[in-house]
Amino acid sequence: MAEKTARLTDRYDVAAPRWGDKMRTLGYYDAYLGFLSAQRRNDGGDLRVVDVGAGTASFSEAWVAINGPPRELILLEPSRTMLGLGGTALRRRGVEPRMEMSLLGEADLGLSEVVLAAHVIEHCPDPLRALRQMRDLLREGGRLHLVVSKPHWCNAIIWLQWRHRTFLEGEIVALVQEAGFDIERMYSFPSGPPSRTSRGIVAVRKR
């Protein structure tokens, strides 16, 4: 399993230089803006935020654009190249992130108020365990902003490259609840590739 993870990280290193532009071209950055602004809260500046599997930090960039700089922003990402590009993107927005080149569950990050995770658990050997590890990063009442892949022929094409999972709505809801969360809301992306490939979930760590 470690060898498989290392191979995946190597492939992300190779893809990294084009990743951020590709995310914007396909509409994912705008999709994240819509998701995060659909139920905006007014406490963004006093939060500690962890972006799990941050990639080039598109989800974090969207968070900062909507909520402003948090008290601390941590990028958790095993790909060195992705992590470097994500840090550069956030510094352009006036945010100096804490960089953690590690896999979920392998770094001591302490507790935060917000966890961001876009298209992460699809690549984890045990999605339920990954969700529980995300829960353990949160204080009681903290929120997980999760974007996951759903069944669609577009994801069948993506699978040929990345061999990721997809989740039916009932399946992902059951996993999130079993991991120790209450579902606060579901979000349907309204247009473009994100509307066909992804769904958003906001979940609150149970008290």
N, C-alpha and C. Protein backbone atom coordinates (compact mmCIF):
# COMPACT_ATOMS: atom_id res chain seq x y z
N MET A 1 0.82 -1.21 0.00
CA MET A 1 0.00 0.00 0.00
C MET A 1 0.86 1.27 0.00
N ALA A 2 1.98 1.24 0.76
CA ALA A 2 2.87 2.40 0.78
C ALA A 2 3.45 2.65 -0.60
N GLU A 3 3.77 1.57 -1.32
CA GLU A 3 4.31 1.71 -2.67
C GLU A 3 3.27 2.33 -3.60
N LYS A 4 2.01 1.89 -3.47
CA LYS A 4 0.94 2.45 -4.30
C LYS A 4 0.77 3.94 -4.02
N THR A 5 0.80 4.32 -2.74
CA THR A 5 0.67 5.74 -2.37
C THR A 5 1.83 6.55 -2.93
N ALA A 6 3.03 6.01 -2.86
CA ALA A 6 4.20 6.71 -3.39
C ALA A 6 4.08 6.92 -4.89
N ARG A 7 3.56 5.92 -5.59
CA ARG A 7 3.39 6.06 -7.05
C ARG A 7 2.38 7.15 -7.36
N LEU A 8 1.30 7.20 -6.59
CA LEU A 8 0.28 8.23 -6.80
C LEU A 8 0.85 9.62 -6.55
N THR A 9 1.64 9.74 -5.47
CA THR A 9 2.27 11.03 -5.17
C THR A 9 3.21 11.45 -6.29
N ASP A 10 3.97 10.51 -6.84
CA ASP A 10 4.86 10.82 -7.96
C ASP A 10 4.07 11.33 -9.16
N ARG A 11 2.91 10.76 -9.41
CA ARG A 11 2.10 11.19 -10.55
C ARG A 11 1.55 12.59 -10.32
N TYR A 12 1.21 12.90 -9.07
CA TYR A 12 0.77 14.26 -8.76
C TYR A 12 1.92 15.26 -8.90
N ASP A 13 3.12 14.85 -8.55
CA ASP A 13 4.29 15.72 -8.76
C ASP A 13 4.42 16.09 -10.24
N VAL A 14 4.24 15.11 -11.10
CA VAL A 14 4.36 15.34 -12.54
C VAL A 14 3.23 16.25 -13.04
N ALA A 15 2.02 16.04 -12.52
CA ALA A 15 0.86 16.81 -12.99
C ALA A 15 0.81 18.23 -12.42
N ALA A 16 1.53 18.47 -11.33
CA ALA A 16 1.39 19.71 -10.56
C ALA A 16 1.53 21.00 -11.35
N PRO A 17 2.54 21.16 -12.25
CA PRO A 17 2.71 22.46 -12.91
C PRO A 17 1.49 22.94 -13.70
N ARG A 18 0.67 22.01 -14.17
CA ARG A 18 -0.51 22.39 -14.95
C ARG A 18 -1.80 22.30 -14.15
N TRP A 19 -1.70 21.85 -12.91
CA TRP A 19 -2.89 21.50 -12.15
C TRP A 19 -3.78 22.70 -11.84
N GLY A 20 -3.18 23.77 -11.31
CA GLY A 20 -3.97 24.94 -10.93
C GLY A 20 -4.71 25.54 -12.11
N ASP A 21 -4.03 25.70 -13.25
CA ASP A 21 -4.69 26.25 -14.43
C ASP A 21 -5.80 25.33 -14.92
N LYS A 22 -5.57 24.02 -14.83
CA LYS A 22 -6.58 23.06 -15.27
C LYS A 22 -7.82 23.15 -14.38
N MET A 23 -7.61 23.29 -13.07
CA MET A 23 -8.74 23.41 -12.15
C MET A 23 -9.60 24.60 -12.49
N ARG A 24 -8.96 25.72 -12.84
CA ARG A 24 -9.73 26.91 -13.19
C ARG A 24 -10.42 26.75 -14.54
N THR A 25 -9.72 26.21 -15.52
CA THR A 25 -10.30 26.03 -16.84
C THR A 25 -11.54 25.15 -16.80
N LEU A 26 -11.51 24.10 -15.98
CA LEU A 26 -12.64 23.18 -15.88
C LEU A 26 -13.74 23.68 -14.94
N GLY A 27 -13.50 24.80 -14.28
CA GLY A 27 -14.54 25.41 -13.46
C GLY A 27 -14.56 25.00 -12.01
N TYR A 28 -13.52 24.27 -11.54
CA TYR A 28 -13.56 23.80 -10.16
C TYR A 28 -13.31 24.92 -9.15
N TYR A 29 -12.45 25.86 -9.47
CA TYR A 29 -12.23 26.96 -8.53
C TYR A 29 -13.52 27.76 -8.34
N ASP A 30 -14.19 28.10 -9.44
CA ASP A 30 -15.46 28.82 -9.33
C ASP A 30 -16.50 27.98 -8.59
N ALA A 31 -16.47 26.66 -8.81
CA ALA A 31 -17.40 25.78 -8.11
C ALA A 31 -17.15 25.81 -6.61
N TYR A 32 -15.89 25.82 -6.21
CA TYR A 32 -15.58 25.90 -4.79
C TYR A 32 -16.04 27.24 -4.20
N LEU A 33 -15.89 28.30 -4.95
CA LEU A 33 -16.39 29.61 -4.49
C LEU A 33 -17.89 29.54 -4.22
N GLY A 34 -18.63 28.93 -5.15
CA GLY A 34 -20.08 28.82 -4.97
C GLY A 34 -20.44 27.97 -3.77
N PHE A 35 -19.75 26.86 -3.61
CA PHE A 35 -20.01 25.97 -2.49
C PHE A 35 -19.76 26.66 -1.15
N LEU A 36 -18.63 27.33 -1.03
CA LEU A 36 -18.26 27.95 0.24
C LEU A 36 -19.07 29.20 0.55
N SER A 37 -19.62 29.84 -0.48
CA SER A 37 -20.40 31.05 -0.24
C SER A 37 -21.89 30.77 -0.09
N ALA A 38 -22.31 29.52 -0.30
CA ALA A 38 -23.74 29.20 -0.25
C ALA A 38 -24.31 29.36 1.16
N GLN A 39 -23.50 29.19 2.17
CA GLN A 39 -23.93 29.37 3.55
C GLN A 39 -22.78 30.01 4.32
N ARG A 40 -22.45 31.21 3.91
CA ARG A 40 -21.27 31.88 4.46
C ARG A 40 -21.49 32.25 5.92
N ARG A 41 -20.45 32.02 6.72
CA ARG A 41 -20.44 32.41 8.12
C ARG A 41 -19.52 33.62 8.29
N ASN A 42 -19.62 34.29 9.41
CA ASN A 42 -18.89 35.54 9.60
C ASN A 42 -17.72 35.42 10.57
N ASP A 43 -17.19 34.20 10.74
CA ASP A 43 -16.11 34.01 11.70
C ASP A 43 -14.83 33.52 11.04
N GLY A 44 -14.67 33.81 9.73
CA GLY A 44 -13.54 33.27 8.98
C GLY A 44 -12.19 33.69 9.50
N GLY A 45 -12.06 34.93 10.05
CA GLY A 45 -10.77 35.41 10.49
C GLY A 45 -10.29 34.79 11.78
N ASP A 46 -11.18 34.17 12.55
CA ASP A 46 -10.80 33.63 13.85
C ASP A 46 -10.77 32.11 13.85
N LEU A 47 -10.54 31.54 12.67
CA LEU A 47 -10.57 30.09 12.55
C LEU A 47 -9.21 29.52 12.20
N ARG A 48 -8.99 28.31 12.65
CA ARG A 48 -7.84 27.52 12.23
C ARG A 48 -8.36 26.52 11.21
N VAL A 49 -7.77 26.52 10.01
CA VAL A 49 -8.28 25.76 8.88
C VAL A 49 -7.21 24.80 8.39
N VAL A 50 -7.60 23.54 8.15
CA VAL A 50 -6.71 22.54 7.57
C VAL A 50 -7.27 22.12 6.22
N ASP A 51 -6.46 22.20 5.19
CA ASP A 51 -6.83 21.72 3.85
C ASP A 51 -6.14 20.37 3.65
N VAL A 52 -6.93 19.30 3.69
CA VAL A 52 -6.41 17.94 3.59
C VAL A 52 -6.29 17.54 2.12
N GLY A 53 -5.11 17.04 1.74
CA GLY A 53 -4.91 16.73 0.32
C GLY A 53 -5.03 17.99 -0.51
N ALA A 54 -4.32 19.02 -0.08
CA ALA A 54 -4.54 20.38 -0.59
C ALA A 54 -4.24 20.55 -2.06
N GLY A 55 -3.38 19.71 -2.62
CA GLY A 55 -2.99 19.91 -4.02
C GLY A 55 -2.33 21.26 -4.19
N THR A 56 -2.75 22.00 -5.21
CA THR A 56 -2.22 23.35 -5.43
C THR A 56 -3.04 24.42 -4.72
N ALA A 57 -3.86 23.99 -3.76
CA ALA A 57 -4.56 24.88 -2.81
C ALA A 57 -5.73 25.64 -3.42
N SER A 58 -6.36 25.11 -4.45
CA SER A 58 -7.53 25.78 -5.03
C SER A 58 -8.66 25.93 -4.02
N PHE A 59 -8.90 24.89 -3.22
CA PHE A 59 -9.98 24.96 -2.23
C PHE A 59 -9.64 25.99 -1.15
N SER A 60 -8.38 26.02 -0.72
CA SER A 60 -7.94 27.02 0.26
C SER A 60 -8.03 28.43 -0.31
N GLU A 61 -7.63 28.59 -1.56
CA GLU A 61 -7.76 29.91 -2.19
C GLU A 61 -9.20 30.38 -2.18
N ALA A 62 -10.12 29.48 -2.51
CA ALA A 62 -11.53 29.84 -2.51
C ALA A 62 -11.99 30.20 -1.10
N TRP A 63 -11.52 29.44 -0.09
CA TRP A 63 -11.88 29.76 1.29
C TRP A 63 -11.43 31.18 1.65
N VAL A 64 -10.19 31.52 1.31
CA VAL A 64 -9.67 32.85 1.63
C VAL A 64 -10.44 33.93 0.87
N ALA A 65 -10.76 33.68 -0.39
CA ALA A 65 -11.49 34.66 -1.18
C ALA A 65 -12.87 34.94 -0.58
N ILE A 66 -13.52 33.92 -0.02
CA ILE A 66 -14.86 34.09 0.54
C ILE A 66 -14.83 34.59 1.98
N ASN A 67 -13.94 34.03 2.79
CA ASN A 67 -13.96 34.28 4.23
C ASN A 67 -12.86 35.19 4.73
N GLY A 68 -11.87 35.49 3.88
CA GLY A 68 -10.72 36.24 4.34
C GLY A 68 -9.70 35.32 4.97
N PRO A 69 -8.50 35.83 5.27
CA PRO A 69 -7.45 34.99 5.85
C PRO A 69 -7.87 34.45 7.21
N PRO A 70 -7.72 33.14 7.44
CA PRO A 70 -7.99 32.59 8.77
C PRO A 70 -6.85 32.87 9.73
N ARG A 71 -7.06 32.52 10.98
CA ARG A 71 -6.00 32.69 11.99
C ARG A 71 -4.77 31.88 11.61
N GLU A 72 -5.01 30.66 11.13
CA GLU A 72 -3.94 29.80 10.64
C GLU A 72 -4.50 28.91 9.56
N LEU A 73 -3.72 28.71 8.51
CA LEU A 73 -4.11 27.84 7.41
C LEU A 73 -3.02 26.81 7.18
N ILE A 74 -3.40 25.54 7.29
CA ILE A 74 -2.45 24.44 7.16
C ILE A 74 -2.75 23.68 5.88
N LEU A 75 -1.74 23.51 5.05
CA LEU A 75 -1.86 22.69 3.85
C LEU A 75 -1.23 21.32 4.14
N LEU A 76 -2.04 20.28 4.08
CA LEU A 76 -1.58 18.91 4.27
C LEU A 76 -1.58 18.22 2.92
N GLU A 77 -0.40 17.87 2.43
CA GLU A 77 -0.27 17.37 1.05
C GLU A 77 1.02 16.58 0.92
N PRO A 78 0.97 15.33 0.40
CA PRO A 78 2.18 14.54 0.28
C PRO A 78 3.08 14.89 -0.90
N SER A 79 2.53 15.57 -1.91
CA SER A 79 3.33 15.94 -3.08
C SER A 79 4.09 17.23 -2.82
N ARG A 80 5.41 17.17 -2.84
CA ARG A 80 6.22 18.36 -2.59
C ARG A 80 5.95 19.45 -3.62
N THR A 81 5.79 19.06 -4.89
CA THR A 81 5.58 20.05 -5.94
C THR A 81 4.22 20.72 -5.80
N MET A 82 3.19 19.92 -5.54
CA MET A 82 1.86 20.49 -5.32
C MET A 82 1.88 21.45 -4.14
N LEU A 83 2.52 21.03 -3.06
CA LEU A 83 2.57 21.85 -1.85
C LEU A 83 3.26 23.18 -2.11
N GLY A 84 4.35 23.15 -2.85
CA GLY A 84 5.05 24.39 -3.15
C GLY A 84 4.22 25.35 -3.97
N LEU A 85 3.52 24.82 -4.96
CA LEU A 85 2.67 25.67 -5.80
C LEU A 85 1.49 26.21 -5.00
N GLY A 86 0.93 25.39 -4.11
CA GLY A 86 -0.16 25.86 -3.26
C GLY A 86 0.28 26.98 -2.34
N GLY A 87 1.46 26.84 -1.75
CA GLY A 87 1.97 27.91 -0.90
C GLY A 87 2.16 29.21 -1.66
N THR A 88 2.68 29.11 -2.87
CA THR A 88 2.88 30.31 -3.70
C THR A 88 1.55 30.98 -4.01
N ALA A 89 0.53 30.19 -4.35
CA ALA A 89 -0.79 30.76 -4.67
C ALA A 89 -1.38 31.49 -3.47
N LEU A 90 -1.22 30.94 -2.29
CA LEU A 90 -1.80 31.59 -1.11
C LEU A 90 -1.01 32.83 -0.70
N ARG A 91 0.29 32.81 -0.89
CA ARG A 91 1.07 34.01 -0.56
C ARG A 91 0.66 35.18 -1.46
N ARG A 92 0.24 34.89 -2.68
CA ARG A 92 -0.26 35.97 -3.55
C ARG A 92 -1.52 36.60 -2.97
N ARG A 93 -2.20 35.87 -2.11
CA ARG A 93 -3.41 36.39 -1.45
C ARG A 93 -3.11 36.92 -0.06
N GLY A 94 -1.84 37.03 0.27
CA GLY A 94 -1.46 37.60 1.55
C GLY A 94 -1.53 36.64 2.71
N VAL A 95 -1.53 35.33 2.41
CA VAL A 95 -1.60 34.31 3.47
C VAL A 95 -0.32 33.49 3.45
N GLU A 96 0.29 33.33 4.60
CA GLU A 96 1.47 32.47 4.73
C GLU A 96 1.02 31.16 5.37
N PRO A 97 0.83 30.11 4.58
CA PRO A 97 0.32 28.86 5.15
C PRO A 97 1.40 28.08 5.87
N ARG A 98 0.95 27.23 6.78
CA ARG A 98 1.83 26.23 7.37
C ARG A 98 1.83 25.02 6.44
N MET A 99 2.98 24.57 6.06
CA MET A 99 3.11 23.51 5.06
C MET A 99 3.44 22.19 5.74
N GLU A 100 2.64 21.18 5.49
CA GLU A 100 2.87 19.85 6.06
C GLU A 100 2.90 18.84 4.92
N MET A 101 4.09 18.38 4.55
CA MET A 101 4.23 17.39 3.49
C MET A 101 4.05 16.01 4.10
N SER A 102 2.81 15.56 4.12
CA SER A 102 2.49 14.32 4.82
C SER A 102 1.15 13.80 4.33
N LEU A 103 0.88 12.55 4.65
CA LEU A 103 -0.42 11.95 4.40
C LEU A 103 -1.34 12.20 5.59
N LEU A 104 -2.63 12.12 5.34
CA LEU A 104 -3.62 12.22 6.40
C LEU A 104 -3.34 11.13 7.44
N GLY A 105 -3.35 11.54 8.71
CA GLY A 105 -3.12 10.59 9.78
C GLY A 105 -1.68 10.45 10.20
N GLU A 106 -0.76 11.07 9.46
CA GLU A 106 0.66 10.91 9.77
C GLU A 106 1.29 12.16 10.37
N ALA A 107 0.55 13.25 10.45
CA ALA A 107 1.10 14.50 10.99
C ALA A 107 0.31 14.90 12.23
N ASP A 108 1.00 15.46 13.22
CA ASP A 108 0.36 15.96 14.44
C ASP A 108 -0.02 17.42 14.20
N LEU A 109 -1.29 17.64 13.89
CA LEU A 109 -1.73 18.98 13.49
C LEU A 109 -2.50 19.71 14.58
N GLY A 110 -2.85 19.04 15.66
CA GLY A 110 -3.69 19.67 16.66
C GLY A 110 -5.13 19.78 16.17
N LEU A 111 -5.95 20.53 16.89
CA LEU A 111 -7.37 20.64 16.57
C LEU A 111 -7.67 21.97 15.88
N SER A 112 -8.59 21.92 14.93
CA SER A 112 -8.97 23.10 14.15
C SER A 112 -10.49 23.25 14.15
N GLU A 113 -10.94 24.39 13.66
CA GLU A 113 -12.37 24.64 13.55
C GLU A 113 -12.93 24.21 12.20
N VAL A 114 -12.07 24.15 11.18
CA VAL A 114 -12.52 23.84 9.81
C VAL A 114 -11.55 22.86 9.17
N VAL A 115 -12.08 21.85 8.51
CA VAL A 115 -11.30 20.99 7.62
C VAL A 115 -11.88 21.10 6.22
N LEU A 116 -11.02 21.34 5.25
CA LEU A 116 -11.37 21.34 3.84
C LEU A 116 -10.82 20.06 3.23
N ALA A 117 -11.61 19.40 2.39
CA ALA A 117 -11.13 18.18 1.73
C ALA A 117 -11.86 18.02 0.41
N ALA A 118 -11.18 18.29 -0.67
CA ALA A 118 -11.78 18.18 -2.00
C ALA A 118 -11.15 17.01 -2.75
N HIS A 119 -11.97 16.02 -3.06
CA HIS A 119 -11.53 14.86 -3.86
C HIS A 119 -10.31 14.19 -3.23
N VAL A 120 -10.48 13.82 -1.95
CA VAL A 120 -9.42 13.17 -1.20
C VAL A 120 -9.77 11.72 -0.88
N ILE A 121 -10.95 11.50 -0.27
CA ILE A 121 -11.25 10.16 0.21
C ILE A 121 -11.41 9.17 -0.93
N GLU A 122 -11.62 9.67 -2.16
CA GLU A 122 -11.71 8.79 -3.33
C GLU A 122 -10.43 7.99 -3.54
N HIS A 123 -9.32 8.53 -3.04
CA HIS A 123 -8.01 7.90 -3.25
C HIS A 123 -7.50 7.17 -2.00
N CYS A 124 -8.29 7.16 -0.94
CA CYS A 124 -7.86 6.53 0.31
C CYS A 124 -8.25 5.06 0.33
N PRO A 125 -7.38 4.18 0.82
CA PRO A 125 -7.70 2.76 0.88
C PRO A 125 -8.96 2.46 1.70
N ASP A 126 -9.19 3.26 2.75
CA ASP A 126 -10.33 3.08 3.62
C ASP A 126 -11.00 4.43 3.82
N PRO A 127 -12.03 4.77 3.02
CA PRO A 127 -12.65 6.10 3.13
C PRO A 127 -13.22 6.40 4.51
N LEU A 128 -13.79 5.39 5.18
CA LEU A 128 -14.34 5.63 6.51
C LEU A 128 -13.23 6.01 7.48
N ARG A 129 -12.12 5.31 7.43
CA ARG A 129 -10.99 5.65 8.30
C ARG A 129 -10.49 7.07 7.99
N ALA A 130 -10.43 7.43 6.72
CA ALA A 130 -10.00 8.78 6.35
C ALA A 130 -10.94 9.83 6.92
N LEU A 131 -12.24 9.58 6.85
CA LEU A 131 -13.20 10.54 7.40
C LEU A 131 -13.07 10.64 8.92
N ARG A 132 -12.80 9.52 9.57
CA ARG A 132 -12.60 9.57 11.02
C ARG A 132 -11.33 10.34 11.37
N GLN A 133 -10.31 10.21 10.54
CA GLN A 133 -9.08 10.97 10.78
C GLN A 133 -9.35 12.47 10.58
N MET A 134 -10.20 12.83 9.62
CA MET A 134 -10.58 14.23 9.45
C MET A 134 -11.38 14.71 10.66
N ARG A 135 -12.30 13.86 11.15
CA ARG A 135 -13.05 14.21 12.37
C ARG A 135 -12.10 14.51 13.53
N ASP A 136 -11.04 13.71 13.65
CA ASP A 136 -10.11 13.88 14.76
C ASP A 136 -9.26 15.14 14.63
N LEU A 137 -9.29 15.79 13.48
CA LEU A 137 -8.61 17.07 13.31
C LEU A 137 -9.47 18.24 13.78
N LEU A 138 -10.75 17.97 14.09
CA LEU A 138 -11.70 19.03 14.40
C LEU A 138 -12.03 19.10 15.88
N ARG A 139 -12.24 20.31 16.35
CA ARG A 139 -12.84 20.49 17.65
C ARG A 139 -14.31 20.07 17.58
N GLU A 140 -14.91 19.79 18.71
CA GLU A 140 -16.34 19.50 18.72
C GLU A 140 -17.10 20.70 18.14
N GLY A 141 -18.02 20.41 17.23
CA GLY A 141 -18.76 21.47 16.56
C GLY A 141 -18.05 22.04 15.35
N GLY A 142 -16.80 21.60 15.09
CA GLY A 142 -16.08 22.05 13.90
C GLY A 142 -16.70 21.48 12.63
N ARG A 143 -16.39 22.12 11.50
CA ARG A 143 -17.04 21.77 10.24
C ARG A 143 -16.07 21.18 9.23
N LEU A 144 -16.55 20.13 8.59
CA LEU A 144 -15.87 19.53 7.45
C LEU A 144 -16.56 19.99 6.19
N HIS A 145 -15.81 20.60 5.28
CA HIS A 145 -16.31 20.97 3.95
C HIS A 145 -15.72 19.95 2.98
N LEU A 146 -16.55 19.04 2.54
CA LEU A 146 -16.12 17.88 1.78
C LEU A 146 -16.66 17.94 0.36
N VAL A 147 -15.79 17.70 -0.62
CA VAL A 147 -16.21 17.54 -2.01
C VAL A 147 -15.79 16.14 -2.45
N VAL A 148 -16.76 15.38 -2.96
CA VAL A 148 -16.49 14.00 -3.34
C VAL A 148 -17.00 13.72 -4.75
N SER A 149 -16.45 12.69 -5.36
CA SER A 149 -16.85 12.29 -6.71
C SER A 149 -18.12 11.46 -6.66
N LYS A 150 -18.98 11.68 -7.64
CA LYS A 150 -20.22 10.91 -7.74
C LYS A 150 -20.23 10.16 -9.08
N PRO A 151 -21.02 9.10 -9.19
CA PRO A 151 -21.04 8.33 -10.44
C PRO A 151 -21.53 9.16 -11.63
N HIS A 152 -20.76 9.16 -12.70
CA HIS A 152 -21.11 9.82 -13.95
C HIS A 152 -20.10 9.36 -14.99
N TRP A 153 -20.48 9.38 -16.24
CA TRP A 153 -19.54 8.91 -17.27
C TRP A 153 -18.28 9.76 -17.31
N CYS A 154 -18.36 11.03 -16.92
CA CYS A 154 -17.15 11.87 -16.86
C CYS A 154 -16.14 11.28 -15.87
N ASN A 155 -16.64 10.77 -14.75
CA ASN A 155 -15.74 10.17 -13.78
C ASN A 155 -15.18 8.85 -14.26
N ALA A 156 -15.90 8.19 -15.16
CA ALA A 156 -15.34 6.97 -15.76
C ALA A 156 -14.09 7.29 -16.56
N ILE A 157 -14.12 8.44 -17.24
CA ILE A 157 -12.94 8.88 -18.00
C ILE A 157 -11.80 9.24 -17.05
N ILE A 158 -12.11 9.98 -15.98
CA ILE A 158 -11.10 10.36 -15.01
C ILE A 158 -10.50 9.13 -14.34
N TRP A 159 -11.34 8.12 -14.11
CA TRP A 159 -10.87 6.89 -13.46
C TRP A 159 -9.74 6.23 -14.25
N LEU A 160 -9.77 6.35 -15.56
CA LEU A 160 -8.72 5.73 -16.37
C LEU A 160 -7.34 6.26 -16.00
N GLN A 161 -7.28 7.51 -15.53
CA GLN A 161 -5.99 8.08 -15.14
C GLN A 161 -5.69 7.90 -13.66
N TRP A 162 -6.71 8.08 -12.80
CA TRP A 162 -6.44 8.18 -11.37
C TRP A 162 -6.96 7.01 -10.54
N ARG A 163 -7.79 6.15 -11.12
CA ARG A 163 -8.31 4.97 -10.41
C ARG A 163 -8.96 5.35 -9.08
N HIS A 164 -9.80 6.35 -9.10
CA HIS A 164 -10.45 6.84 -7.89
C HIS A 164 -11.83 6.20 -7.71
N ARG A 165 -12.39 6.33 -6.51
CA ARG A 165 -13.74 5.87 -6.23
C ARG A 165 -14.76 6.95 -6.57
N THR A 166 -16.02 6.53 -6.68
CA THR A 166 -17.14 7.46 -6.69
C THR A 166 -18.14 6.97 -5.64
N PHE A 167 -18.99 7.90 -5.17
CA PHE A 167 -19.92 7.57 -4.08
C PHE A 167 -21.33 8.01 -4.45
N LEU A 168 -22.28 7.10 -4.34
CA LEU A 168 -23.67 7.48 -4.40
C LEU A 168 -24.01 8.37 -3.21
N GLU A 169 -25.06 9.21 -3.35
CA GLU A 169 -25.38 10.15 -2.28
C GLU A 169 -25.64 9.42 -0.96
N GLY A 170 -26.47 8.38 -0.99
CA GLY A 170 -26.77 7.66 0.24
C GLY A 170 -25.53 7.02 0.85
N GLU A 171 -24.63 6.57 0.00
CA GLU A 171 -23.40 5.94 0.46
C GLU A 171 -22.50 6.92 1.20
N ILE A 172 -22.30 8.10 0.62
CA ILE A 172 -21.40 9.06 1.26
C ILE A 172 -22.03 9.65 2.51
N VAL A 173 -23.34 9.85 2.50
CA VAL A 173 -24.02 10.34 3.70
C VAL A 173 -23.84 9.35 4.85
N ALA A 174 -24.02 8.05 4.57
CA ALA A 174 -23.86 7.03 5.61
C ALA A 174 -22.44 7.00 6.14
N LEU A 175 -21.44 7.12 5.26
CA LEU A 175 -20.04 7.12 5.69
C LEU A 175 -19.73 8.31 6.58
N VAL A 176 -20.19 9.49 6.17
CA VAL A 176 -19.91 10.71 6.94
C VAL A 176 -20.56 10.60 8.32
N GLN A 177 -21.78 10.12 8.38
CA GLN A 177 -22.45 9.97 9.67
C GLN A 177 -21.77 8.91 10.54
N GLU A 178 -21.38 7.80 9.95
CA GLU A 178 -20.70 6.75 10.71
C GLU A 178 -19.36 7.23 11.25
N ALA A 179 -18.74 8.17 10.54
CA ALA A 179 -17.44 8.71 10.97
C ALA A 179 -17.55 9.67 12.15
N GLY A 180 -18.78 10.04 12.54
CA GLY A 180 -18.94 10.89 13.71
C GLY A 180 -19.37 12.32 13.40
N PHE A 181 -20.07 12.51 12.29
CA PHE A 181 -20.53 13.83 11.88
C PHE A 181 -22.06 13.86 11.78
N ASP A 182 -22.62 15.05 11.95
CA ASP A 182 -23.98 15.35 11.54
C ASP A 182 -23.92 16.10 10.21
N ILE A 183 -24.76 15.73 9.27
CA ILE A 183 -24.82 16.43 7.99
C ILE A 183 -25.53 17.76 8.19
N GLU A 184 -24.85 18.84 7.86
CA GLU A 184 -25.48 20.17 7.96
C GLU A 184 -26.19 20.53 6.66
N ARG A 185 -25.56 20.25 5.53
CA ARG A 185 -26.21 20.49 4.24
C ARG A 185 -25.49 19.74 3.14
N MET A 186 -26.25 19.46 2.09
CA MET A 186 -25.72 18.92 0.86
C MET A 186 -25.72 20.03 -0.18
N TYR A 187 -24.80 19.96 -1.11
CA TYR A 187 -24.69 21.01 -2.12
C TYR A 187 -24.52 20.38 -3.49
N SER A 188 -25.34 20.83 -4.43
CA SER A 188 -25.24 20.38 -5.82
C SER A 188 -24.58 21.48 -6.65
N PHE A 189 -23.45 21.18 -7.26
CA PHE A 189 -22.79 22.17 -8.11
C PHE A 189 -23.68 22.43 -9.33
N PRO A 190 -23.88 23.69 -9.69
CA PRO A 190 -24.93 24.02 -10.66
C PRO A 190 -24.56 23.85 -12.12
N SER A 191 -23.26 23.82 -12.47
CA SER A 191 -22.94 23.84 -13.89
C SER A 191 -21.54 23.28 -14.15
N GLY A 192 -21.25 23.04 -15.44
CA GLY A 192 -19.92 22.64 -15.87
C GLY A 192 -19.53 21.26 -15.37
N PRO A 193 -18.26 20.88 -15.58
CA PRO A 193 -17.78 19.57 -15.12
C PRO A 193 -18.05 19.28 -13.64
N PRO A 194 -17.92 20.28 -12.73
CA PRO A 194 -18.19 19.95 -11.32
C PRO A 194 -19.62 19.45 -11.09
N SER A 195 -20.58 19.94 -11.88
CA SER A 195 -21.96 19.49 -11.68
C SER A 195 -22.13 18.03 -12.05
N ARG A 196 -21.27 17.53 -12.89
CA ARG A 196 -21.38 16.14 -13.33
C ARG A 196 -20.50 15.19 -12.52
N THR A 197 -19.41 15.71 -11.97
CA THR A 197 -18.45 14.83 -11.32
C THR A 197 -18.50 14.85 -9.80
N SER A 198 -19.10 15.88 -9.19
CA SER A 198 -18.85 16.13 -7.77
C SER A 198 -20.12 16.53 -7.03
N ARG A 199 -20.09 16.33 -5.72
CA ARG A 199 -21.11 16.89 -4.83
C ARG A 199 -20.41 17.42 -3.58
N GLY A 200 -21.04 18.41 -2.95
CA GLY A 200 -20.48 19.01 -1.75
C GLY A 200 -21.29 18.65 -0.52
N ILE A 201 -20.60 18.53 0.59
CA ILE A 201 -21.23 18.22 1.87
C ILE A 201 -20.58 19.09 2.95
N VAL A 202 -21.40 19.70 3.79
CA VAL A 202 -20.90 20.33 5.00
C VAL A 202 -21.38 19.48 6.17
N ALA A 203 -20.44 19.04 6.99
CA ALA A 203 -20.77 18.17 8.12
C ALA A 203 -20.13 18.72 9.38
N VAL A 204 -20.82 18.55 10.50
CA VAL A 204 -20.39 19.09 11.79
C VAL A 204 -19.97 17.94 12.70
N ARG A 205 -18.80 18.06 13.30
CA ARG A 205 -18.36 17.04 14.26
C ARG A 205 -19.33 17.00 15.43
N LYS A 206 -19.80 15.79 15.74
CA LYS A 206 -20.75 15.63 16.84
C LYS A 206 -20.12 16.01 18.17
N ARG A 207 -20.92 16.58 19.00
CA ARG A 207 -20.44 16.97 20.33
C ARG A 207 -20.45 15.77 21.28
